[in-house]
Amino acid sequence: MSKKMILGLAMGVALIGMSLSGEAGEIKAKVEAAKGEMKATAEEMKGEAKAKIEEAKGNKASAAMERAKGNVKGAYERVKGKVNEVGAKAE
């Protein structure tokens, strides 16, 4: 899937979720969760792309490192999204 497709899908899910919810805090929380998930997916895709480049060069160790870095950055973005979601619900 391309980045544009994933972004469009995530925005569509966020907009559908927002239309079903009536409270402003819930809407903001859903947007923050969607943003965190989109950023996480983007970071993981960047890591995978860099890993493919390294594999093409023949650097298997560097490829594994880039893939792991992408996964860690993705997990970090998911956590940030969750924290922002909780903060938005508290407002």
Protein backbone atom coordinates (compact mmCIF):
# COMPACT_ATOMS: atom_id res chain seq x y z
CA MET A 1 0.00 0.00 0.00
CA SER A 2 1.24 3.46 -0.76
CA LYS A 3 1.56 6.16 1.85
CA LYS A 4 -1.26 8.14 0.23
CA MET A 5 -3.61 5.17 0.43
CA ILE A 6 -2.82 4.59 4.08
CA LEU A 7 -3.18 8.28 4.87
CA GLY A 8 -6.51 8.42 3.05
CA LEU A 9 -7.76 5.32 4.82
CA ALA A 10 -6.75 6.64 8.21
CA MET A 11 -8.35 10.02 7.55
CA GLY A 12 -11.52 8.30 6.38
CA VAL A 13 -11.68 6.24 9.54
CA ALA A 14 -11.06 9.36 11.62
CA LEU A 15 -13.79 11.31 9.84
CA ILE A 16 -16.31 8.50 10.19
CA GLY A 17 -15.43 8.20 13.86
CA MET A 18 -15.84 11.94 14.34
CA SER A 19 -19.23 12.00 12.68
CA LEU A 20 -20.54 9.32 15.03
CA SER A 21 -19.34 11.03 18.18
CA GLY A 22 -21.13 14.03 19.60
CA GLU A 23 -18.69 15.34 22.18
CA ALA A 24 -15.81 17.63 21.24
CA GLY A 25 -13.42 15.86 23.63
CA GLU A 26 -14.18 12.51 22.08
CA ILE A 27 -13.64 13.90 18.59
CA LYS A 28 -10.30 15.39 19.56
CA ALA A 29 -9.30 12.13 21.24
CA LYS A 30 -10.12 10.14 18.12
CA VAL A 31 -8.17 12.57 15.94
CA GLU A 32 -5.14 12.31 18.23
CA ALA A 33 -5.32 8.50 18.16
CA ALA A 34 -5.58 8.50 14.36
CA LYS A 35 -2.66 10.91 14.03
CA GLY A 36 -0.53 8.72 16.29
CA GLU A 37 -1.38 5.64 14.28
CA MET A 38 -0.63 7.37 10.96
CA LYS A 39 2.72 8.63 12.21
CA ALA A 40 3.58 5.19 13.56
CA THR A 41 2.76 3.53 10.26
CA ALA A 42 4.81 6.12 8.39
CA GLU A 43 7.85 5.54 10.63
CA GLU A 44 7.59 1.78 10.20
CA MET A 45 7.35 2.18 6.42
CA LYS A 46 10.41 4.45 6.41
CA GLY A 47 12.35 1.85 8.38
CA GLU A 48 11.27 -0.91 6.02
CA ALA A 49 12.24 1.16 2.97
CA LYS A 50 15.68 1.86 4.42
CA ALA A 51 16.03 -1.84 5.28
CA LYS A 52 15.24 -2.83 1.69
CA ILE A 53 17.92 -0.41 0.44
CA GLU A 54 20.47 -1.88 2.84
CA GLU A 55 19.52 -5.42 1.84
CA ALA A 56 19.99 -4.50 -1.81
CA LYS A 57 23.47 -3.28 -0.94
CA GLY A 58 24.14 -6.60 0.80
CA ASN A 59 24.24 -5.21 4.35
CA LYS A 60 22.02 -7.60 6.26
CA ALA A 61 23.06 -6.27 9.66
CA SER A 62 22.31 -2.68 8.67
CA ALA A 63 18.99 -3.78 7.20
CA ALA A 64 17.99 -5.44 10.46
CA MET A 65 19.05 -2.35 12.38
CA GLU A 66 17.01 -0.02 10.12
CA ARG A 67 13.98 -2.29 10.39
CA ALA A 68 14.29 -2.33 14.19
CA LYS A 69 14.70 1.45 14.31
CA GLY A 70 11.53 1.84 12.26
CA ASN A 71 9.62 -0.46 14.60
CA VAL A 72 10.87 1.40 17.69
CA LYS A 73 9.98 4.79 16.21
CA GLY A 74 6.57 3.43 15.25
CA ALA A 75 5.95 2.19 18.77
CA TYR A 76 7.03 5.57 20.16
CA GLU A 77 4.57 7.41 17.88
CA ARG A 78 1.76 5.05 18.94
CA VAL A 79 2.50 5.79 22.61
CA LYS A 80 2.55 9.53 21.93
CA GLY A 81 -0.79 9.22 20.15
CA LYS A 82 -2.25 7.30 23.08
CA VAL A 83 -1.00 9.90 25.58
CA ASN A 84 -2.50 12.71 23.48
CA GLU A 85 -5.75 10.76 23.20
CA VAL A 86 -5.98 10.37 26.98
CA GLY A 87 -5.17 14.06 27.43
CA ALA A 88 -7.90 15.05 24.97
CA LYS A 89 -10.45 12.87 26.77
CA ALA A 90 -9.54 14.52 30.06
CA GLU A 91 -10.36 17.99 28.72
